[in-house]
Amino acid sequence: MKKSDQFFGIETSTKNTLYLIDISGSMEGIDEGSIKDQVMREAGNKAGNVVSNAIGGKIGNILGKQVTKQATKLGAVKRKLIPAIKGLPDGKKFTVFAYNNDVTKQSIELRVASNMSRTSANIFVENLKAGGGTNTAKGLIEAISTPGVQEIVLMSDGLPNGGPEAVLEEIRKTNTNNVIIHTIAFGEDADHNFMRTLAQENNGTFITSKM
């Protein structure tokens, strides 16, 4: 994957950035995405079947699934986020968190962008698997509480446990340092109203993967 200086149209900033990825079970669903993404998904599905049939047996089945899985919402996150991380300028501070029922951290603190830290982050992202519930409030609170964080980029289908209003109310109370929260919604079933409101209330940008 080539490196990029933006992520779904959000330009790479000089702020300390935390990328927050929803890895709940619903992120295994199909991401309708842009026309380009739809073509890539269809190609991925066909290629997965071809690989599986051509090789056969357990190995063919495993490799076929590896090709096909990039058609999911989480696959769409990986396709776009990995080039964005590759494109982070040296010296920029960043880290990556993922959440479902709990929060998994690439690093417990912000790291300075370098060849090593970018590679480490992308290995973390590439190895993420979807499953479990959607504790968006916990993910956001831990992200906001990370020392030095100035902006969060949330990637989710916006279907939080406990309902969206409970999450919004919790963030209103927690985000006292005015951390910017950008939101990117994935999937046809994404809760756009929640994701849009979360971004608007926290000086961020709301984007859908259908670009």
N, C-alpha and C. Protein backbone atom coordinates (compact mmCIF):
# COMPACT_ATOMS: atom_id res chain seq x y z
N MET A 1 0.83 -1.19 0.00
CA MET A 1 0.00 0.00 0.00
C MET A 1 0.87 1.25 0.00
N LYS A 2 0.57 2.21 -0.88
CA LYS A 2 1.30 3.47 -0.92
C LYS A 2 0.94 4.31 0.29
N LYS A 3 1.83 5.23 0.65
CA LYS A 3 1.51 6.11 1.77
C LYS A 3 0.66 7.28 1.30
N SER A 4 -0.06 7.88 2.25
CA SER A 4 -0.99 8.96 1.94
C SER A 4 -0.84 10.06 2.98
N ASP A 5 -1.13 11.30 2.57
CA ASP A 5 -1.07 12.42 3.52
C ASP A 5 -2.46 12.83 4.00
N GLN A 6 -3.44 11.98 3.75
CA GLN A 6 -4.80 12.26 4.24
C GLN A 6 -5.53 10.94 4.44
N PHE A 7 -6.63 11.01 5.20
CA PHE A 7 -7.42 9.83 5.53
C PHE A 7 -8.89 10.16 5.32
N PHE A 8 -9.48 9.61 4.25
CA PHE A 8 -10.86 9.92 3.88
C PHE A 8 -11.09 11.43 3.79
N GLY A 9 -10.10 12.14 3.26
CA GLY A 9 -10.24 13.58 3.08
C GLY A 9 -9.82 14.41 4.27
N ILE A 10 -9.54 13.76 5.41
CA ILE A 10 -9.05 14.49 6.58
C ILE A 10 -7.54 14.61 6.44
N GLU A 11 -7.07 15.83 6.24
CA GLU A 11 -5.64 16.05 6.03
C GLU A 11 -4.86 15.74 7.31
N THR A 12 -3.68 15.17 7.13
CA THR A 12 -2.81 14.90 8.27
C THR A 12 -2.44 16.23 8.92
N SER A 13 -2.68 16.33 10.22
CA SER A 13 -2.45 17.58 10.94
C SER A 13 -1.16 17.51 11.74
N THR A 14 -0.81 18.63 12.34
CA THR A 14 0.35 18.67 13.22
C THR A 14 -0.03 18.32 14.65
N LYS A 15 -1.30 18.10 14.91
CA LYS A 15 -1.78 17.78 16.26
C LYS A 15 -1.40 16.35 16.65
N ASN A 16 -1.41 16.10 17.95
CA ASN A 16 -1.18 14.76 18.47
C ASN A 16 -2.46 13.94 18.25
N THR A 17 -2.36 12.89 17.45
CA THR A 17 -3.55 12.19 16.96
C THR A 17 -3.64 10.77 17.49
N LEU A 18 -4.84 10.41 17.92
CA LEU A 18 -5.12 9.03 18.33
C LEU A 18 -6.16 8.45 17.38
N TYR A 19 -5.82 7.37 16.71
CA TYR A 19 -6.74 6.68 15.80
C TYR A 19 -7.47 5.61 16.60
N LEU A 20 -8.80 5.70 16.62
CA LEU A 20 -9.63 4.82 17.45
C LEU A 20 -10.51 3.96 16.55
N ILE A 21 -10.28 2.63 16.56
CA ILE A 21 -10.94 1.72 15.63
C ILE A 21 -11.94 0.82 16.34
N ASP A 22 -13.15 0.82 15.85
CA ASP A 22 -14.20 -0.09 16.31
C ASP A 22 -13.91 -1.48 15.72
N ILE A 23 -13.68 -2.47 16.58
CA ILE A 23 -13.46 -3.84 16.10
C ILE A 23 -14.53 -4.78 16.64
N SER A 24 -15.73 -4.23 16.89
CA SER A 24 -16.84 -5.07 17.33
C SER A 24 -17.28 -5.99 16.21
N GLY A 25 -18.13 -6.97 16.56
CA GLY A 25 -18.57 -7.95 15.57
C GLY A 25 -19.24 -7.36 14.36
N SER A 26 -19.94 -6.24 14.54
CA SER A 26 -20.65 -5.63 13.42
C SER A 26 -19.70 -5.10 12.35
N MET A 27 -18.42 -4.89 12.71
CA MET A 27 -17.45 -4.40 11.72
C MET A 27 -17.02 -5.50 10.75
N GLU A 28 -17.49 -6.74 10.98
CA GLU A 28 -17.26 -7.81 10.01
C GLU A 28 -18.26 -7.72 8.86
N GLY A 29 -19.28 -6.85 9.02
CA GLY A 29 -20.27 -6.68 7.97
C GLY A 29 -19.67 -6.01 6.75
N ILE A 30 -20.41 -6.04 5.65
CA ILE A 30 -19.92 -5.48 4.40
C ILE A 30 -19.97 -3.95 4.45
N ASP A 31 -18.90 -3.33 3.98
CA ASP A 31 -18.86 -1.87 3.83
C ASP A 31 -19.22 -1.53 2.39
N GLU A 32 -20.33 -0.83 2.19
CA GLU A 32 -20.75 -0.48 0.83
C GLU A 32 -19.74 0.45 0.17
N GLY A 33 -19.23 1.41 0.95
CA GLY A 33 -18.15 2.27 0.49
C GLY A 33 -18.43 3.02 -0.79
N SER A 34 -17.37 3.55 -1.36
CA SER A 34 -17.46 4.29 -2.60
C SER A 34 -17.58 3.33 -3.78
N ILE A 35 -17.77 3.87 -4.97
CA ILE A 35 -17.80 3.02 -6.17
C ILE A 35 -16.49 2.24 -6.28
N LYS A 36 -15.38 2.91 -6.03
CA LYS A 36 -14.08 2.24 -6.08
C LYS A 36 -14.03 1.10 -5.08
N ASP A 37 -14.51 1.36 -3.84
CA ASP A 37 -14.51 0.31 -2.83
C ASP A 37 -15.41 -0.85 -3.23
N GLN A 38 -16.56 -0.54 -3.85
CA GLN A 38 -17.47 -1.60 -4.27
C GLN A 38 -16.81 -2.49 -5.32
N VAL A 39 -16.09 -1.87 -6.24
CA VAL A 39 -15.37 -2.64 -7.26
C VAL A 39 -14.30 -3.50 -6.60
N MET A 40 -13.57 -2.90 -5.65
CA MET A 40 -12.52 -3.65 -4.96
C MET A 40 -13.11 -4.81 -4.17
N ARG A 41 -14.27 -4.58 -3.54
CA ARG A 41 -14.92 -5.65 -2.78
C ARG A 41 -15.33 -6.79 -3.68
N GLU A 42 -15.95 -6.45 -4.82
CA GLU A 42 -16.38 -7.48 -5.75
C GLU A 42 -15.18 -8.26 -6.29
N ALA A 43 -14.11 -7.53 -6.60
CA ALA A 43 -12.89 -8.19 -7.06
C ALA A 43 -12.31 -9.08 -5.97
N GLY A 44 -12.36 -8.59 -4.74
CA GLY A 44 -11.86 -9.38 -3.61
C GLY A 44 -12.65 -10.65 -3.41
N ASN A 45 -13.97 -10.54 -3.51
CA ASN A 45 -14.81 -11.74 -3.37
C ASN A 45 -14.51 -12.76 -4.45
N LYS A 46 -14.42 -12.28 -5.70
CA LYS A 46 -14.15 -13.18 -6.82
C LYS A 46 -12.76 -13.78 -6.71
N ALA A 47 -11.78 -12.92 -6.36
CA ALA A 47 -10.41 -13.40 -6.24
C ALA A 47 -10.30 -14.42 -5.12
N GLY A 48 -11.01 -14.18 -4.02
CA GLY A 48 -11.00 -15.13 -2.91
C GLY A 48 -11.52 -16.49 -3.33
N ASN A 49 -12.60 -16.49 -4.10
CA ASN A 49 -13.17 -17.75 -4.58
C ASN A 49 -12.21 -18.45 -5.55
N VAL A 50 -11.60 -17.65 -6.43
CA VAL A 50 -10.66 -18.23 -7.40
C VAL A 50 -9.48 -18.86 -6.69
N VAL A 51 -8.91 -18.13 -5.72
CA VAL A 51 -7.77 -18.65 -4.97
C VAL A 51 -8.15 -19.94 -4.26
N SER A 52 -9.31 -19.91 -3.58
CA SER A 52 -9.76 -21.08 -2.84
C SER A 52 -9.95 -22.29 -3.74
N ASN A 53 -10.60 -22.07 -4.90
CA ASN A 53 -10.88 -23.18 -5.82
C ASN A 53 -9.62 -23.69 -6.50
N ALA A 54 -8.73 -22.76 -6.85
CA ALA A 54 -7.53 -23.14 -7.58
C ALA A 54 -6.58 -23.97 -6.73
N ILE A 55 -6.42 -23.58 -5.47
CA ILE A 55 -5.48 -24.27 -4.60
C ILE A 55 -6.13 -25.48 -3.95
N GLY A 56 -7.38 -25.29 -3.53
CA GLY A 56 -8.12 -26.40 -2.92
C GLY A 56 -7.66 -26.71 -1.50
N GLY A 57 -8.44 -27.55 -0.84
CA GLY A 57 -8.08 -28.01 0.50
C GLY A 57 -8.09 -26.90 1.53
N LYS A 58 -7.50 -27.17 2.68
CA LYS A 58 -7.49 -26.23 3.80
C LYS A 58 -6.69 -24.97 3.48
N ILE A 59 -5.55 -25.15 2.80
CA ILE A 59 -4.71 -23.99 2.48
C ILE A 59 -5.44 -23.06 1.52
N GLY A 60 -6.10 -23.62 0.51
CA GLY A 60 -6.87 -22.81 -0.43
C GLY A 60 -7.99 -22.07 0.25
N ASN A 61 -8.66 -22.72 1.18
CA ASN A 61 -9.75 -22.09 1.92
C ASN A 61 -9.24 -20.93 2.78
N ILE A 62 -8.11 -21.13 3.44
CA ILE A 62 -7.52 -20.08 4.28
C ILE A 62 -7.11 -18.88 3.45
N LEU A 63 -6.41 -19.13 2.33
CA LEU A 63 -5.96 -18.03 1.48
C LEU A 63 -7.12 -17.31 0.83
N GLY A 64 -8.16 -18.06 0.44
CA GLY A 64 -9.35 -17.43 -0.14
C GLY A 64 -10.03 -16.50 0.83
N LYS A 65 -10.13 -16.91 2.08
CA LYS A 65 -10.74 -16.06 3.10
C LYS A 65 -9.89 -14.83 3.36
N GLN A 66 -8.55 -14.99 3.29
CA GLN A 66 -7.64 -13.86 3.50
C GLN A 66 -7.88 -12.77 2.46
N VAL A 67 -8.10 -13.16 1.21
CA VAL A 67 -8.36 -12.20 0.13
C VAL A 67 -9.73 -11.56 0.32
N THR A 68 -10.74 -12.38 0.66
CA THR A 68 -12.12 -11.90 0.73
C THR A 68 -12.37 -10.97 1.90
N LYS A 69 -11.67 -11.16 3.02
CA LYS A 69 -11.99 -10.42 4.24
C LYS A 69 -11.78 -8.91 4.10
N GLN A 70 -11.00 -8.47 3.11
CA GLN A 70 -10.77 -7.04 2.95
C GLN A 70 -12.02 -6.31 2.48
N ALA A 71 -13.11 -7.07 2.14
CA ALA A 71 -14.36 -6.45 1.72
C ALA A 71 -15.19 -5.96 2.90
N THR A 72 -14.82 -6.28 4.12
CA THR A 72 -15.60 -5.90 5.29
C THR A 72 -15.34 -4.45 5.69
N LYS A 73 -16.15 -3.98 6.64
CA LYS A 73 -15.95 -2.62 7.16
C LYS A 73 -14.54 -2.48 7.76
N LEU A 74 -14.13 -3.47 8.55
CA LEU A 74 -12.80 -3.41 9.14
C LEU A 74 -11.73 -3.48 8.05
N GLY A 75 -11.98 -4.25 7.00
CA GLY A 75 -11.06 -4.30 5.88
C GLY A 75 -10.91 -2.94 5.21
N ALA A 76 -12.03 -2.21 5.10
CA ALA A 76 -12.00 -0.87 4.51
C ALA A 76 -11.18 0.09 5.38
N VAL A 77 -11.31 -0.05 6.71
CA VAL A 77 -10.49 0.76 7.62
C VAL A 77 -9.01 0.51 7.35
N LYS A 78 -8.65 -0.76 7.26
CA LYS A 78 -7.24 -1.11 7.07
C LYS A 78 -6.70 -0.59 5.74
N ARG A 79 -7.49 -0.71 4.68
CA ARG A 79 -7.04 -0.28 3.36
C ARG A 79 -6.70 1.20 3.32
N LYS A 80 -7.43 2.00 4.10
CA LYS A 80 -7.23 3.45 4.09
C LYS A 80 -6.27 3.92 5.19
N LEU A 81 -6.36 3.28 6.38
CA LEU A 81 -5.58 3.78 7.52
C LEU A 81 -4.10 3.45 7.40
N ILE A 82 -3.78 2.27 6.90
CA ILE A 82 -2.37 1.88 6.80
C ILE A 82 -1.57 2.86 5.93
N PRO A 83 -2.07 3.24 4.74
CA PRO A 83 -1.33 4.26 3.96
C PRO A 83 -1.24 5.60 4.68
N ALA A 84 -2.31 5.97 5.43
CA ALA A 84 -2.29 7.24 6.16
C ALA A 84 -1.21 7.24 7.24
N ILE A 85 -1.08 6.11 7.93
CA ILE A 85 -0.03 6.01 8.96
C ILE A 85 1.35 6.02 8.31
N LYS A 86 1.48 5.35 7.17
CA LYS A 86 2.76 5.37 6.46
C LYS A 86 3.16 6.80 6.08
N GLY A 87 2.15 7.64 5.83
CA GLY A 87 2.41 9.00 5.41
C GLY A 87 2.60 10.01 6.53
N LEU A 88 2.52 9.58 7.78
CA LEU A 88 2.71 10.52 8.90
C LEU A 88 4.13 11.06 8.88
N PRO A 89 4.27 12.37 9.02
CA PRO A 89 5.63 12.96 8.98
C PRO A 89 6.42 12.63 10.23
N ASP A 90 7.72 12.49 10.07
CA ASP A 90 8.60 12.27 11.22
C ASP A 90 8.36 13.34 12.27
N GLY A 91 8.28 12.91 13.52
CA GLY A 91 8.12 13.85 14.62
C GLY A 91 6.68 14.02 15.08
N LYS A 92 5.71 13.70 14.24
CA LYS A 92 4.31 13.82 14.67
C LYS A 92 4.03 12.76 15.73
N LYS A 93 3.26 13.12 16.75
CA LYS A 93 2.92 12.16 17.80
C LYS A 93 1.57 11.52 17.49
N PHE A 94 1.50 10.18 17.68
CA PHE A 94 0.27 9.46 17.37
C PHE A 94 0.26 8.11 18.10
N THR A 95 -0.90 7.49 18.11
CA THR A 95 -1.02 6.10 18.54
C THR A 95 -2.34 5.55 18.00
N VAL A 96 -2.53 4.24 18.16
CA VAL A 96 -3.73 3.58 17.67
C VAL A 96 -4.34 2.75 18.79
N PHE A 97 -5.65 2.94 19.03
CA PHE A 97 -6.42 2.11 19.96
C PHE A 97 -7.50 1.38 19.16
N ALA A 98 -7.91 0.22 19.66
CA ALA A 98 -9.05 -0.50 19.10
C ALA A 98 -9.96 -0.91 20.25
N TYR A 99 -11.25 -0.98 19.98
CA TYR A 99 -12.16 -1.34 21.06
C TYR A 99 -13.30 -2.24 20.56
N ASN A 100 -13.75 -3.12 21.45
CA ASN A 100 -15.02 -3.83 21.33
C ASN A 100 -15.63 -3.80 22.71
N ASN A 101 -15.60 -4.90 23.45
CA ASN A 101 -16.03 -4.83 24.85
C ASN A 101 -14.97 -4.12 25.70
N ASP A 102 -13.72 -4.26 25.30
CA ASP A 102 -12.60 -3.67 26.01
C ASP A 102 -11.77 -2.84 25.02
N VAL A 103 -10.72 -2.22 25.52
CA VAL A 103 -9.85 -1.38 24.69
C VAL A 103 -8.48 -2.04 24.56
N THR A 104 -8.00 -2.19 23.34
CA THR A 104 -6.67 -2.72 23.06
C THR A 104 -5.81 -1.58 22.51
N LYS A 105 -4.59 -1.44 23.03
CA LYS A 105 -3.76 -0.28 22.68
C LYS A 105 -2.48 -0.71 21.98
N GLN A 106 -2.19 -0.06 20.87
CA GLN A 106 -0.92 -0.27 20.20
C GLN A 106 0.21 0.24 21.09
N SER A 107 -0.06 1.32 21.79
CA SER A 107 0.88 1.89 22.75
C SER A 107 0.07 2.62 23.81
N ILE A 108 0.51 2.56 25.05
CA ILE A 108 -0.26 3.22 26.12
C ILE A 108 -0.05 4.72 26.11
N GLU A 109 0.90 5.20 25.30
CA GLU A 109 1.15 6.63 25.21
C GLU A 109 1.40 7.01 23.76
N LEU A 110 1.30 8.29 23.48
CA LEU A 110 1.59 8.78 22.14
C LEU A 110 3.05 8.52 21.80
N ARG A 111 3.28 8.11 20.55
CA ARG A 111 4.64 7.82 20.10
C ARG A 111 5.03 8.79 18.99
N VAL A 112 6.30 9.08 18.89
CA VAL A 112 6.79 9.97 17.84
C VAL A 112 6.90 9.18 16.55
N ALA A 113 6.36 9.71 15.46
CA ALA A 113 6.38 9.02 14.17
C ALA A 113 7.81 8.83 13.68
N SER A 114 8.12 7.60 13.35
CA SER A 114 9.41 7.22 12.79
C SER A 114 9.18 5.95 11.98
N ASN A 115 10.18 5.48 11.27
CA ASN A 115 10.01 4.24 10.52
C ASN A 115 9.57 3.09 11.44
N MET A 116 10.16 3.02 12.62
CA MET A 116 9.84 1.94 13.54
C MET A 116 8.43 2.06 14.10
N SER A 117 8.05 3.26 14.55
CA SER A 117 6.72 3.43 15.17
C SER A 117 5.60 3.31 14.13
N ARG A 118 5.83 3.79 12.93
CA ARG A 118 4.83 3.64 11.87
C ARG A 118 4.64 2.17 11.50
N THR A 119 5.73 1.44 11.38
CA THR A 119 5.65 0.02 11.05
C THR A 119 4.95 -0.75 12.16
N SER A 120 5.30 -0.45 13.40
CA SER A 120 4.66 -1.11 14.55
C SER A 120 3.16 -0.86 14.56
N ALA A 121 2.75 0.38 14.30
CA ALA A 121 1.33 0.72 14.28
C ALA A 121 0.61 -0.02 13.17
N ASN A 122 1.22 -0.12 12.01
CA ASN A 122 0.56 -0.78 10.89
C ASN A 122 0.47 -2.29 11.08
N ILE A 123 1.43 -2.89 11.74
CA ILE A 123 1.32 -4.31 12.09
C ILE A 123 0.16 -4.52 13.05
N PHE A 124 0.03 -3.61 14.01
CA PHE A 124 -1.09 -3.66 14.96
C PHE A 124 -2.42 -3.59 14.22
N VAL A 125 -2.55 -2.64 13.30
CA VAL A 125 -3.79 -2.46 12.54
C VAL A 125 -4.08 -3.68 11.68
N GLU A 126 -3.08 -4.16 10.97
CA GLU A 126 -3.27 -5.29 10.06
C GLU A 126 -3.74 -6.54 10.79
N ASN A 127 -3.31 -6.72 12.04
CA ASN A 127 -3.65 -7.93 12.79
C ASN A 127 -4.97 -7.85 13.55
N LEU A 128 -5.66 -6.72 13.48
CA LEU A 128 -6.93 -6.58 14.19
C LEU A 128 -8.00 -7.51 13.61
N LYS A 129 -8.80 -8.09 14.49
CA LYS A 129 -9.92 -8.94 14.08
C LYS A 129 -11.19 -8.47 14.78
N ALA A 130 -12.31 -8.57 14.07
CA ALA A 130 -13.59 -8.09 14.60
C ALA A 130 -14.27 -9.16 15.44
N GLY A 131 -14.92 -8.71 16.52
CA GLY A 131 -15.69 -9.61 17.36
C GLY A 131 -16.07 -8.92 18.66
N GLY A 132 -17.18 -9.33 19.25
CA GLY A 132 -17.58 -8.78 20.53
C GLY A 132 -18.51 -7.59 20.42
N GLY A 133 -18.75 -6.94 21.56
CA GLY A 133 -19.68 -5.82 21.63
C GLY A 133 -19.05 -4.50 21.21
N THR A 134 -19.83 -3.41 21.39
CA THR A 134 -19.39 -2.09 20.90
C THR A 134 -19.41 -1.09 22.05
N ASN A 135 -18.39 -1.12 22.89
CA ASN A 135 -18.33 -0.20 24.02
C ASN A 135 -17.63 1.09 23.59
N THR A 136 -18.37 1.86 22.78
CA THR A 136 -17.82 3.10 22.22
C THR A 136 -17.46 4.10 23.31
N ALA A 137 -18.28 4.18 24.34
CA ALA A 137 -18.01 5.13 25.43
C ALA A 137 -16.66 4.84 26.08
N LYS A 138 -16.40 3.56 26.35
CA LYS A 138 -15.13 3.20 26.99
C LYS A 138 -13.96 3.53 26.07
N GLY A 139 -14.10 3.21 24.79
CA GLY A 139 -13.03 3.51 23.84
C GLY A 139 -12.73 4.99 23.78
N LEU A 140 -13.77 5.81 23.70
CA LEU A 140 -13.58 7.26 23.61
C LEU A 140 -13.02 7.84 24.91
N ILE A 141 -13.50 7.37 26.05
CA ILE A 141 -13.02 7.90 27.33
C ILE A 141 -11.54 7.60 27.52
N GLU A 142 -11.13 6.37 27.19
CA GLU A 142 -9.70 6.04 27.32
C GLU A 142 -8.86 6.83 26.33
N ALA A 143 -9.41 7.08 25.15
CA ALA A 143 -8.69 7.88 24.16
C ALA A 143 -8.54 9.32 24.65
N ILE A 144 -9.62 9.91 25.12
CA ILE A 144 -9.60 11.29 25.61
C ILE A 144 -8.66 11.43 26.80
N SER A 145 -8.57 10.37 27.62
CA SER A 145 -7.75 10.42 28.84
C SER A 145 -6.27 10.19 28.59
N THR A 146 -5.89 9.90 27.35
CA THR A 146 -4.48 9.68 27.02
C THR A 146 -3.72 11.00 27.10
N PRO A 147 -2.68 11.08 27.91
CA PRO A 147 -1.95 12.36 28.07
C PRO A 147 -1.44 12.90 26.75
N GLY A 148 -1.72 14.19 26.50
CA GLY A 148 -1.21 14.87 25.33
C GLY A 148 -2.05 14.76 24.08
N VAL A 149 -3.09 13.94 24.09
CA VAL A 149 -3.89 13.78 22.87
C VAL A 149 -4.64 15.08 22.55
N GLN A 150 -4.63 15.45 21.28
CA GLN A 150 -5.30 16.68 20.84
C GLN A 150 -6.45 16.41 19.87
N GLU A 151 -6.38 15.30 19.17
CA GLU A 151 -7.48 14.94 18.28
C GLU A 151 -7.60 13.42 18.20
N ILE A 152 -8.85 12.98 18.01
CA ILE A 152 -9.17 11.56 17.87
C ILE A 152 -9.85 11.36 16.52
N VAL A 153 -9.48 10.30 15.83
CA VAL A 153 -10.17 9.92 14.60
C VAL A 153 -10.87 8.60 14.89
N LEU A 154 -12.20 8.66 15.03
CA LEU A 154 -12.99 7.47 15.35
C LEU A 154 -13.49 6.82 14.08
N MET A 155 -13.23 5.52 13.93
CA MET A 155 -13.69 4.74 12.77
C MET A 155 -14.65 3.67 13.27
N SER A 156 -15.93 3.77 12.85
CA SER A 156 -16.95 2.89 13.42
C SER A 156 -18.17 2.87 12.53
N ASP A 157 -19.05 1.88 12.77
CA ASP A 157 -20.37 1.92 12.13
C ASP A 157 -21.36 2.64 13.03
N GLY A 158 -20.89 3.12 14.18
CA GLY A 158 -21.71 3.97 15.03
C GLY A 158 -22.91 3.28 15.64
N LEU A 159 -22.76 2.06 16.10
CA LEU A 159 -23.86 1.31 16.71
C LEU A 159 -23.46 0.93 18.14
N PRO A 160 -23.37 1.92 19.05
CA PRO A 160 -22.80 1.67 20.37
C PRO A 160 -23.73 0.93 21.33
N ASN A 161 -23.13 0.16 22.22
CA ASN A 161 -23.90 -0.46 23.31
C ASN A 161 -24.52 0.66 24.17
N GLY A 162 -25.72 0.43 24.61
CA GLY A 162 -26.36 1.40 25.50
C GLY A 162 -27.01 2.56 24.79
N GLY A 163 -26.85 2.65 23.48
CA GLY A 163 -27.49 3.71 22.71
C GLY A 163 -26.62 4.93 22.53
N PRO A 164 -26.81 5.66 21.44
CA PRO A 164 -25.97 6.81 21.12
C PRO A 164 -26.07 7.97 22.10
N GLU A 165 -27.25 8.25 22.62
CA GLU A 165 -27.41 9.41 23.50
C GLU A 165 -26.60 9.25 24.78
N ALA A 166 -26.51 8.02 25.28
CA ALA A 166 -25.72 7.77 26.50
C ALA A 166 -24.25 8.06 26.23
N VAL A 167 -23.77 7.70 25.05
CA VAL A 167 -22.37 7.96 24.70
C VAL A 167 -22.13 9.46 24.57
N LEU A 168 -23.03 10.15 23.87
CA LEU A 168 -22.88 11.60 23.69
C LEU A 168 -22.84 12.32 25.04
N GLU A 169 -23.72 11.93 25.94
CA GLU A 169 -23.79 12.57 27.26
C GLU A 169 -22.51 12.32 28.04
N GLU A 170 -21.96 11.10 27.94
CA GLU A 170 -20.73 10.76 28.65
C GLU A 170 -19.56 11.59 28.12
N ILE A 171 -19.50 11.78 26.82
CA ILE A 171 -18.40 12.55 26.23
C ILE A 171 -18.54 14.04 26.55
N ARG A 172 -19.76 14.53 26.64
CA ARG A 172 -19.97 15.93 27.05
C ARG A 172 -19.36 16.18 28.43
N LYS A 173 -19.46 15.20 29.31
CA LYS A 173 -18.92 15.34 30.67
C LYS A 173 -17.41 15.11 30.72
N THR A 174 -16.92 14.25 29.84
CA THR A 174 -15.53 13.80 29.90
C THR A 174 -14.56 14.69 29.13
N ASN A 175 -14.98 15.21 27.99
CA ASN A 175 -14.06 15.93 27.11
C ASN A 175 -13.88 17.39 27.54
N THR A 176 -13.34 17.56 28.71
CA THR A 176 -13.17 18.90 29.28
C THR A 176 -11.97 19.63 28.67
N ASN A 177 -11.08 18.90 28.02
CA ASN A 177 -9.91 19.53 27.39
C ASN A 177 -10.15 19.87 25.92
N ASN A 178 -11.40 19.73 25.49
CA ASN A 178 -11.80 20.07 24.12
C ASN A 178 -10.98 19.34 23.06
N VAL A 179 -10.78 18.04 23.28
CA VAL A 179 -10.11 17.21 22.28
C VAL A 179 -11.02 17.14 21.04
N ILE A 180 -10.46 17.36 19.88
CA ILE A 180 -11.21 17.28 18.62
C ILE A 180 -11.53 15.81 18.32
N ILE A 181 -12.76 15.53 17.93
CA ILE A 181 -13.13 14.16 17.57
C ILE A 181 -13.69 14.14 16.15
N HIS A 182 -12.91 13.58 15.23
CA HIS A 182 -13.39 13.33 13.87
C HIS A 182 -14.06 11.96 13.85
N THR A 183 -15.09 11.80 13.04
CA THR A 183 -15.77 10.51 12.96
C THR A 183 -15.90 10.07 11.50
N ILE A 184 -15.63 8.80 11.26
CA ILE A 184 -15.78 8.22 9.93
C ILE A 184 -16.70 7.01 10.05
N ALA A 185 -17.84 7.06 9.36
CA ALA A 185 -18.86 6.01 9.45
C ALA A 185 -18.68 5.00 8.33
N PHE A 186 -18.73 3.72 8.69
CA PHE A 186 -18.57 2.64 7.73
C PHE A 186 -19.85 1.81 7.65
N GLY A 187 -20.26 1.46 6.45
CA GLY A 187 -21.38 0.54 6.26
C GLY A 187 -22.70 1.22 6.00
N GLU A 188 -23.54 0.53 5.25
CA GLU A 188 -24.87 1.03 4.91
C GLU A 188 -25.74 1.21 6.14
N ASP A 189 -25.48 0.39 7.18
CA ASP A 189 -26.30 0.42 8.39
C ASP A 189 -25.74 1.34 9.47
N ALA A 190 -24.72 2.11 9.14
CA ALA A 190 -24.09 2.98 10.14
C ALA A 190 -25.07 4.02 10.68
N ASP A 191 -24.89 4.38 11.95
CA ASP A 191 -25.72 5.41 12.58
C ASP A 191 -25.10 6.78 12.28
N HIS A 192 -25.47 7.33 11.14
CA HIS A 192 -24.89 8.61 10.71
C HIS A 192 -25.26 9.75 11.63
N ASN A 193 -26.46 9.75 12.17
CA ASN A 193 -26.88 10.83 13.06
C ASN A 193 -25.99 10.90 14.30
N PHE A 194 -25.71 9.75 14.88
CA PHE A 194 -24.84 9.70 16.06
C PHE A 194 -23.44 10.15 15.72
N MET A 195 -22.89 9.61 14.65
CA MET A 195 -21.51 9.93 14.27
C MET A 195 -21.37 11.41 13.89
N ARG A 196 -22.37 11.95 13.21
CA ARG A 196 -22.35 13.37 12.84
C ARG A 196 -22.42 14.25 14.09
N THR A 197 -23.33 13.93 15.00
CA THR A 197 -23.49 14.73 16.22
C THR A 197 -22.24 14.69 17.07
N LEU A 198 -21.63 13.50 17.20
CA LEU A 198 -20.41 13.36 17.98
C LEU A 198 -19.31 14.27 17.44
N ALA A 199 -19.17 14.30 16.13
CA ALA A 199 -18.16 15.16 15.51
C ALA A 199 -18.50 16.64 15.70
N GLN A 200 -19.74 17.00 15.45
CA GLN A 200 -20.15 18.40 15.55
C GLN A 200 -19.98 18.95 16.97
N GLU A 201 -20.28 18.15 17.97
CA GLU A 201 -20.19 18.60 19.36
C GLU A 201 -18.74 18.68 19.85
N ASN A 202 -17.82 18.11 19.07
CA ASN A 202 -16.42 18.07 19.51
C ASN A 202 -15.47 18.66 18.45
N ASN A 203 -16.01 19.65 17.70
CA ASN A 203 -15.21 20.43 16.74
C ASN A 203 -14.52 19.58 15.68
N GLY A 204 -15.13 18.43 15.35
CA GLY A 204 -14.51 17.54 14.40
C GLY A 204 -15.25 17.51 13.06
N THR A 205 -14.78 16.66 12.17
CA THR A 205 -15.36 16.48 10.84
C THR A 205 -16.04 15.11 10.77
N PHE A 206 -17.22 15.08 10.22
CA PHE A 206 -17.94 13.82 10.02
C PHE A 206 -17.83 13.42 8.55
N ILE A 207 -17.47 12.15 8.32
CA ILE A 207 -17.28 11.65 6.95
C ILE A 207 -17.87 10.24 6.90
N THR A 208 -18.41 9.88 5.75
CA THR A 208 -18.80 8.50 5.53
C THR A 208 -17.81 7.85 4.57
N SER A 209 -17.72 6.53 4.62
CA SER A 209 -16.80 5.81 3.74
C SER A 209 -17.31 5.82 2.30
N LYS A 210 -18.54 6.30 2.09
CA LYS A 210 -19.10 6.35 0.73
C LYS A 210 -18.67 7.65 0.06
N MET A 211 -17.46 7.67 -0.45
CA MET A 211 -16.90 8.88 -1.05
C MET A 211 -16.63 8.65 -2.53
